[in-house]
């Protein structure tokens, strides 16, 4: 069985982007050798990336022509990808297919053999997967900044979702990488 893992950078006050789409300059406060190595390890651990439509569009615009970050660029462009959308009919980024029912599709893919499935960014998609009980792990890099407003990574929910801490590490920049496992009700 495959794991579904969520990954994102988030400000201390809970935002994954500022008040405008792709307002993520705060990522630069966390980026450094440790985070670069961590990102490179995704390529060894995973074999599928999943994005909501908005995140897909931003990633597809950036990675094919990204400068530097050669190892990460090769991974991002070469890996299989799903773009989750009810409006897109096709996806032009290499190795991408469009799906409209992420709960059904990811539920099926998790039961297959393979490596880890990652969701990068995509807060609305993450919310859907959490509510469906399909997320096996949440990895968050807390960036040492208070943004003061923006798009929250975690959306309002009907109740609490307990989490079990699996691991934590601190980078030289002061960012904290946290790994949590959702605790399922008995």
C-alpha atoms as a PDB file:
ATOM      1  CA  UNK A   1       0.000   0.000   0.000  1.00  0.00           C
ATOM      2  CA  UNK A   2       1.202   3.473  -0.850  1.00  0.00           C
ATOM      3  CA  UNK A   3       1.244   6.439   1.513  1.00  0.00           C
ATOM      4  CA  UNK A   4      -0.328   9.801   0.705  1.00  0.00           C
ATOM      5  CA  UNK A   5       1.868  12.559   2.125  1.00  0.00           C
ATOM      6  CA  UNK A   6       1.131  16.281   2.211  1.00  0.00           C
ATOM      7  CA  UNK A   7       4.074  18.712   1.956  1.00  0.00           C
ATOM      8  CA  UNK A   8       4.076  22.479   2.209  1.00  0.00           C
ATOM      9  CA  UNK A   9       5.842  25.479   3.642  1.00  0.00           C
ATOM     10  CA  UNK A  10       3.720  27.524   6.007  1.00  0.00           C
ATOM     11  CA  UNK A  11       4.196  30.712   8.006  1.00  0.00           C
ATOM     12  CA  UNK A  12       4.062  30.596  11.783  1.00  0.00           C
ATOM     13  CA  UNK A  13       0.573  32.100  11.622  1.00  0.00           C
ATOM     14  CA  UNK A  14      -0.656  29.338   9.298  1.00  0.00           C
ATOM     15  CA  UNK A  15      -0.533  30.730   5.755  1.00  0.00           C
ATOM     16  CA  UNK A  16       0.863  28.868   2.745  1.00  0.00           C
ATOM     17  CA  UNK A  17       0.664  31.962   0.538  1.00  0.00           C
ATOM     18  CA  UNK A  18      -0.002  35.642   1.016  1.00  0.00           C
ATOM     19  CA  UNK A  19      -3.172  37.495   0.072  1.00  0.00           C
ATOM     20  CA  UNK A  20      -2.450  37.089  -3.659  1.00  0.00           C
ATOM     21  CA  UNK A  21      -1.979  33.740  -5.428  1.00  0.00           C
ATOM     22  CA  UNK A  22       1.677  32.639  -5.529  1.00  0.00           C
ATOM     23  CA  UNK A  23       2.703  35.268  -2.977  1.00  0.00           C
ATOM     24  CA  UNK A  24       5.308  32.899  -1.507  1.00  0.00           C
ATOM     25  CA  UNK A  25       8.399  35.079  -1.152  1.00  0.00           C
ATOM     26  CA  UNK A  26       8.553  34.011   2.492  1.00  0.00           C
ATOM     27  CA  UNK A  27       9.853  30.608   1.252  1.00  0.00           C
ATOM     28  CA  UNK A  28      13.215  32.315   0.767  1.00  0.00           C
ATOM     29  CA  UNK A  29      13.468  32.760   4.546  1.00  0.00           C
ATOM     30  CA  UNK A  30      13.533  28.976   4.960  1.00  0.00           C
ATOM     31  CA  UNK A  31      15.406  27.890   1.850  1.00  0.00           C
ATOM     32  CA  UNK A  32      18.934  26.647   2.362  1.00  0.00           C
ATOM     33  CA  UNK A  33      21.051  23.505   2.115  1.00  0.00           C
ATOM     34  CA  UNK A  34      18.919  21.472   4.541  1.00  0.00           C
ATOM     35  CA  UNK A  35      15.641  22.240   2.802  1.00  0.00           C
ATOM     36  CA  UNK A  36      17.210  21.673  -0.616  1.00  0.00           C
ATOM     37  CA  UNK A  37      18.421  18.218   0.491  1.00  0.00           C
ATOM     38  CA  UNK A  38      14.988  17.483   1.967  1.00  0.00           C
ATOM     39  CA  UNK A  39      13.340  18.435  -1.333  1.00  0.00           C
ATOM     40  CA  UNK A  40      15.750  16.254  -3.295  1.00  0.00           C
ATOM     41  CA  UNK A  41      14.779  13.260  -1.141  1.00  0.00           C
ATOM     42  CA  UNK A  42      11.198  13.530  -2.406  1.00  0.00           C
ATOM     43  CA  UNK A  43      12.500  12.296  -5.762  1.00  0.00           C
ATOM     44  CA  UNK A  44      13.836   9.131  -4.145  1.00  0.00           C
ATOM     45  CA  UNK A  45      10.798   8.501  -1.955  1.00  0.00           C
ATOM     46  CA  UNK A  46       7.918   9.318  -4.297  1.00  0.00           C
ATOM     47  CA  UNK A  47       6.689   8.344  -7.732  1.00  0.00           C
ATOM     48  CA  UNK A  48       3.591  10.533  -8.073  1.00  0.00           C
ATOM     49  CA  UNK A  49       2.843  14.214  -7.396  1.00  0.00           C
ATOM     50  CA  UNK A  50      -0.696  15.513  -7.030  1.00  0.00           C
ATOM     51  CA  UNK A  51      -1.706  19.152  -7.381  1.00  0.00           C
ATOM     52  CA  UNK A  52      -4.934  21.078  -7.240  1.00  0.00           C
ATOM     53  CA  UNK A  53      -5.575  23.120 -10.377  1.00  0.00           C
ATOM     54  CA  UNK A  54      -4.150  26.414  -9.082  1.00  0.00           C
ATOM     55  CA  UNK A  55      -0.984  24.808  -7.750  1.00  0.00           C
ATOM     56  CA  UNK A  56      -0.631  22.744 -10.918  1.00  0.00           C
ATOM     57  CA  UNK A  57      -0.802  25.866 -13.092  1.00  0.00           C
ATOM     58  CA  UNK A  58       1.892  27.616 -11.057  1.00  0.00           C
ATOM     59  CA  UNK A  59       4.177  24.582 -10.928  1.00  0.00           C
ATOM     60  CA  UNK A  60       3.708  23.853 -14.646  1.00  0.00           C
ATOM     61  CA  UNK A  61       4.635  27.447 -15.456  1.00  0.00           C
ATOM     62  CA  UNK A  62       7.770  27.393 -13.276  1.00  0.00           C
ATOM     63  CA  UNK A  63       9.507  23.995 -13.376  1.00  0.00           C
ATOM     64  CA  UNK A  64       9.983  23.312 -17.107  1.00  0.00           C
ATOM     65  CA  UNK A  65      12.208  26.411 -17.430  1.00  0.00           C
ATOM     66  CA  UNK A  66      13.492  26.697 -13.834  1.00  0.00           C
ATOM     67  CA  UNK A  67      17.084  27.814 -13.469  1.00  0.00           C
ATOM     68  CA  UNK A  68      19.488  26.176 -11.023  1.00  0.00           C
ATOM     69  CA  UNK A  69      18.005  23.472  -8.783  1.00  0.00           C
ATOM     70  CA  UNK A  70      18.925  20.889 -11.459  1.00  0.00           C
ATOM     71  CA  UNK A  71      18.236  17.769  -9.383  1.00  0.00           C
ATOM     72  CA  UNK A  72      14.875  19.066  -8.179  1.00  0.00           C
ATOM     73  CA  UNK A  73      13.991  20.333 -11.669  1.00  0.00           C
ATOM     74  CA  UNK A  74      14.691  16.895 -13.177  1.00  0.00           C
ATOM     75  CA  UNK A  75      12.528  15.253 -10.513  1.00  0.00           C
ATOM     76  CA  UNK A  76       9.652  17.711 -10.881  1.00  0.00           C
ATOM     77  CA  UNK A  77       9.585  17.459 -14.673  1.00  0.00           C
ATOM     78  CA  UNK A  78      10.114  13.698 -14.899  1.00  0.00           C
ATOM     79  CA  UNK A  79       7.785  12.289 -12.247  1.00  0.00           C
ATOM     80  CA  UNK A  80       4.183  11.263 -12.954  1.00  0.00           C
ATOM     81  CA  UNK A  81       1.697  13.950 -11.943  1.00  0.00           C
ATOM     82  CA  UNK A  82      -2.031  14.342 -11.396  1.00  0.00           C
ATOM     83  CA  UNK A  83      -3.774  17.677 -11.826  1.00  0.00           C
ATOM     84  CA  UNK A  84      -7.069  17.704  -9.925  1.00  0.00           C
ATOM     85  CA  UNK A  85      -9.655  19.873 -11.633  1.00  0.00           C
ATOM     86  CA  UNK A  86     -13.320  19.952 -12.569  1.00  0.00           C
ATOM     87  CA  UNK A  87     -12.641  22.439 -15.383  1.00  0.00           C
ATOM     88  CA  UNK A  88      -9.336  21.425 -17.036  1.00  0.00           C
ATOM     89  CA  UNK A  89      -9.619  19.011 -19.929  1.00  0.00           C
ATOM     90  CA  UNK A  90      -5.920  18.426 -20.540  1.00  0.00           C
ATOM     91  CA  UNK A  91      -2.575  19.139 -18.937  1.00  0.00           C
ATOM     92  CA  UNK A  92       0.478  20.046 -20.993  1.00  0.00           C
ATOM     93  CA  UNK A  93       3.196  19.528 -18.382  1.00  0.00           C
ATOM     94  CA  UNK A  94       5.203  16.348 -18.967  1.00  0.00           C
ATOM     95  CA  UNK A  95       3.739  13.127 -17.472  1.00  0.00           C
ATOM     96  CA  UNK A  96       0.540  14.779 -16.216  1.00  0.00           C
ATOM     97  CA  UNK A  97      -3.022  13.582 -16.419  1.00  0.00           C
ATOM     98  CA  UNK A  98      -6.160  15.345 -15.224  1.00  0.00           C
ATOM     99  CA  UNK A  99      -8.582  13.795 -12.719  1.00  0.00           C
ATOM    100  CA  UNK A 100     -11.841  15.258 -11.467  1.00  0.00           C
ATOM    101  CA  UNK A 101     -12.594  12.917  -8.533  1.00  0.00           C
ATOM    102  CA  UNK A 102      -9.507  12.959  -6.289  1.00  0.00           C
ATOM    103  CA  UNK A 103     -11.049  10.945  -3.445  1.00  0.00           C
ATOM    104  CA  UNK A 104     -11.884   8.002  -5.697  1.00  0.00           C
ATOM    105  CA  UNK A 105      -8.671   8.238  -7.729  1.00  0.00           C
ATOM    106  CA  UNK A 106      -6.286   8.591  -4.793  1.00  0.00           C
ATOM    107  CA  UNK A 107      -8.139   5.945  -2.800  1.00  0.00           C
ATOM    108  CA  UNK A 108      -7.556   3.545  -5.707  1.00  0.00           C
ATOM    109  CA  UNK A 109      -3.917   4.581  -6.243  1.00  0.00           C
ATOM    110  CA  UNK A 110      -3.104   4.157  -2.541  1.00  0.00           C
ATOM    111  CA  UNK A 111      -4.145   0.495  -2.746  1.00  0.00           C
ATOM    112  CA  UNK A 112      -1.659  -0.157  -5.558  1.00  0.00           C
ATOM    113  CA  UNK A 113       2.022  -0.976  -5.245  1.00  0.00           C
ATOM    114  CA  UNK A 114       4.378   1.940  -5.655  1.00  0.00           C
ATOM    115  CA  UNK A 115       6.223   4.655  -3.842  1.00  0.00           C
ATOM    116  CA  UNK A 116       4.855   7.569  -1.833  1.00  0.00           C
ATOM    117  CA  UNK A 117       2.255   9.870  -3.388  1.00  0.00           C
ATOM    118  CA  UNK A 118       2.893  13.528  -2.539  1.00  0.00           C
ATOM    119  CA  UNK A 119       0.524  16.473  -2.547  1.00  0.00           C
ATOM    120  CA  UNK A 120       2.487  19.713  -2.764  1.00  0.00           C
ATOM    121  CA  UNK A 121       0.714  22.955  -1.818  1.00  0.00           C
ATOM    122  CA  UNK A 122      -2.917  22.632  -2.909  1.00  0.00           C
ATOM    123  CA  UNK A 123      -4.638  23.613   0.346  1.00  0.00           C
ATOM    124  CA  UNK A 124      -8.186  22.945  -0.911  1.00  0.00           C
ATOM    125  CA  UNK A 125      -7.171  19.497  -2.192  1.00  0.00           C
ATOM    126  CA  UNK A 126      -5.402  18.752   1.089  1.00  0.00           C
ATOM    127  CA  UNK A 127      -8.583  19.718   2.947  1.00  0.00           C
ATOM    128  CA  UNK A 128     -10.620  17.309   0.807  1.00  0.00           C
ATOM    129  CA  UNK A 129      -8.144  14.470   1.356  1.00  0.00           C
ATOM    130  CA  UNK A 130      -7.966  15.074   5.109  1.00  0.00           C
ATOM    131  CA  UNK A 131     -11.750  15.048   5.406  1.00  0.00           C
ATOM    132  CA  UNK A 132     -11.863  11.814   3.365  1.00  0.00           C
ATOM    133  CA  UNK A 133      -9.334  10.214   5.747  1.00  0.00           C
ATOM    134  CA  UNK A 134      -6.834   9.520   2.950  1.00  0.00           C
ATOM    135  CA  UNK A 135      -3.817  11.484   4.268  1.00  0.00           C
ATOM    136  CA  UNK A 136      -1.191   9.272   5.911  1.00  0.00           C
ATOM    137  CA  UNK A 137       1.288  11.975   6.809  1.00  0.00           C
ATOM    138  CA  UNK A 138       1.548  15.767   6.949  1.00  0.00           C
ATOM    139  CA  UNK A 139       4.962  17.344   6.483  1.00  0.00           C
ATOM    140  CA  UNK A 140       5.095  21.049   7.169  1.00  0.00           C
ATOM    141  CA  UNK A 141       8.040  23.407   7.104  1.00  0.00           C
ATOM    142  CA  UNK A 142       7.224  26.224   9.513  1.00  0.00           C
ATOM    143  CA  UNK A 143       8.888  29.356   8.184  1.00  0.00           C
ATOM    144  CA  UNK A 144      10.016  31.765  10.910  1.00  0.00           C
ATOM    145  CA  UNK A 145       7.779  34.650   9.897  1.00  0.00           C
ATOM    146  CA  UNK A 146       4.360  36.017  10.794  1.00  0.00           C
ATOM    147  CA  UNK A 147       2.730  36.989   7.513  1.00  0.00           C
ATOM    148  CA  UNK A 148      -0.297  38.710   9.038  1.00  0.00           C
ATOM    149  CA  UNK A 149      -2.773  37.472   6.444  1.00  0.00           C
ATOM    150  CA  UNK A 150      -3.183  35.352   3.377  1.00  0.00           C
ATOM    151  CA  UNK A 151      -4.467  31.946   2.377  1.00  0.00           C
ATOM    152  CA  UNK A 152      -4.447  29.511   5.329  1.00  0.00           C
ATOM    153  CA  UNK A 153      -3.033  26.065   4.684  1.00  0.00           C
ATOM    154  CA  UNK A 154      -5.573  24.295   6.881  1.00  0.00           C
ATOM    155  CA  UNK A 155      -9.219  25.100   6.251  1.00  0.00           C
ATOM    156  CA  UNK A 156     -12.043  25.273   8.811  1.00  0.00           C
ATOM    157  CA  UNK A 157     -13.310  21.851   9.861  1.00  0.00           C
ATOM    158  CA  UNK A 158     -16.250  20.459  11.778  1.00  0.00           C
ATOM    159  CA  UNK A 159     -13.982  19.110  14.497  1.00  0.00           C
ATOM    160  CA  UNK A 160     -10.469  18.500  15.678  1.00  0.00           C
ATOM    161  CA  UNK A 161      -8.031  16.232  13.848  1.00  0.00           C
ATOM    162  CA  UNK A 162      -5.522  14.853  16.350  1.00  0.00           C
ATOM    163  CA  UNK A 163      -2.008  14.347  15.016  1.00  0.00           C
ATOM    164  CA  UNK A 164       0.922  12.247  16.225  1.00  0.00           C
ATOM    165  CA  UNK A 165       4.372  13.819  15.909  1.00  0.00           C
ATOM    166  CA  UNK A 166       6.679  11.503  13.948  1.00  0.00           C
ATOM    167  CA  UNK A 167       9.729  13.727  13.639  1.00  0.00           C
ATOM    168  CA  UNK A 168      10.970  17.292  13.865  1.00  0.00           C
ATOM    169  CA  UNK A 169      14.121  19.066  12.776  1.00  0.00           C
ATOM    170  CA  UNK A 170      15.376  22.631  12.754  1.00  0.00           C
ATOM    171  CA  UNK A 171      17.279  24.229   9.884  1.00  0.00           C
ATOM    172  CA  UNK A 172      20.038  26.813  10.197  1.00  0.00           C
ATOM    173  CA  UNK A 173      17.546  29.432   8.950  1.00  0.00           C
ATOM    174  CA  UNK A 174      15.329  28.713  11.964  1.00  0.00           C
ATOM    175  CA  UNK A 175      12.651  26.896   9.953  1.00  0.00           C
ATOM    176  CA  UNK A 176      11.181  23.813  11.599  1.00  0.00           C
ATOM    177  CA  UNK A 177      10.262  20.733   9.599  1.00  0.00           C
ATOM    178  CA  UNK A 178       7.492  18.766  11.268  1.00  0.00           C
ATOM    179  CA  UNK A 179       6.178  15.332  10.326  1.00  0.00           C
ATOM    180  CA  UNK A 180       2.771  14.306  11.657  1.00  0.00           C
ATOM    181  CA  UNK A 181       0.514  11.324  11.236  1.00  0.00           C
ATOM    182  CA  UNK A 182      -3.256  11.845  11.489  1.00  0.00           C
ATOM    183  CA  UNK A 183      -4.671   9.834  14.386  1.00  0.00           C
ATOM    184  CA  UNK A 184      -7.628   7.788  13.218  1.00  0.00           C
ATOM    185  CA  UNK A 185     -10.611   7.320  15.514  1.00  0.00           C
ATOM    186  CA  UNK A 186     -10.745   3.836  17.059  1.00  0.00           C
END
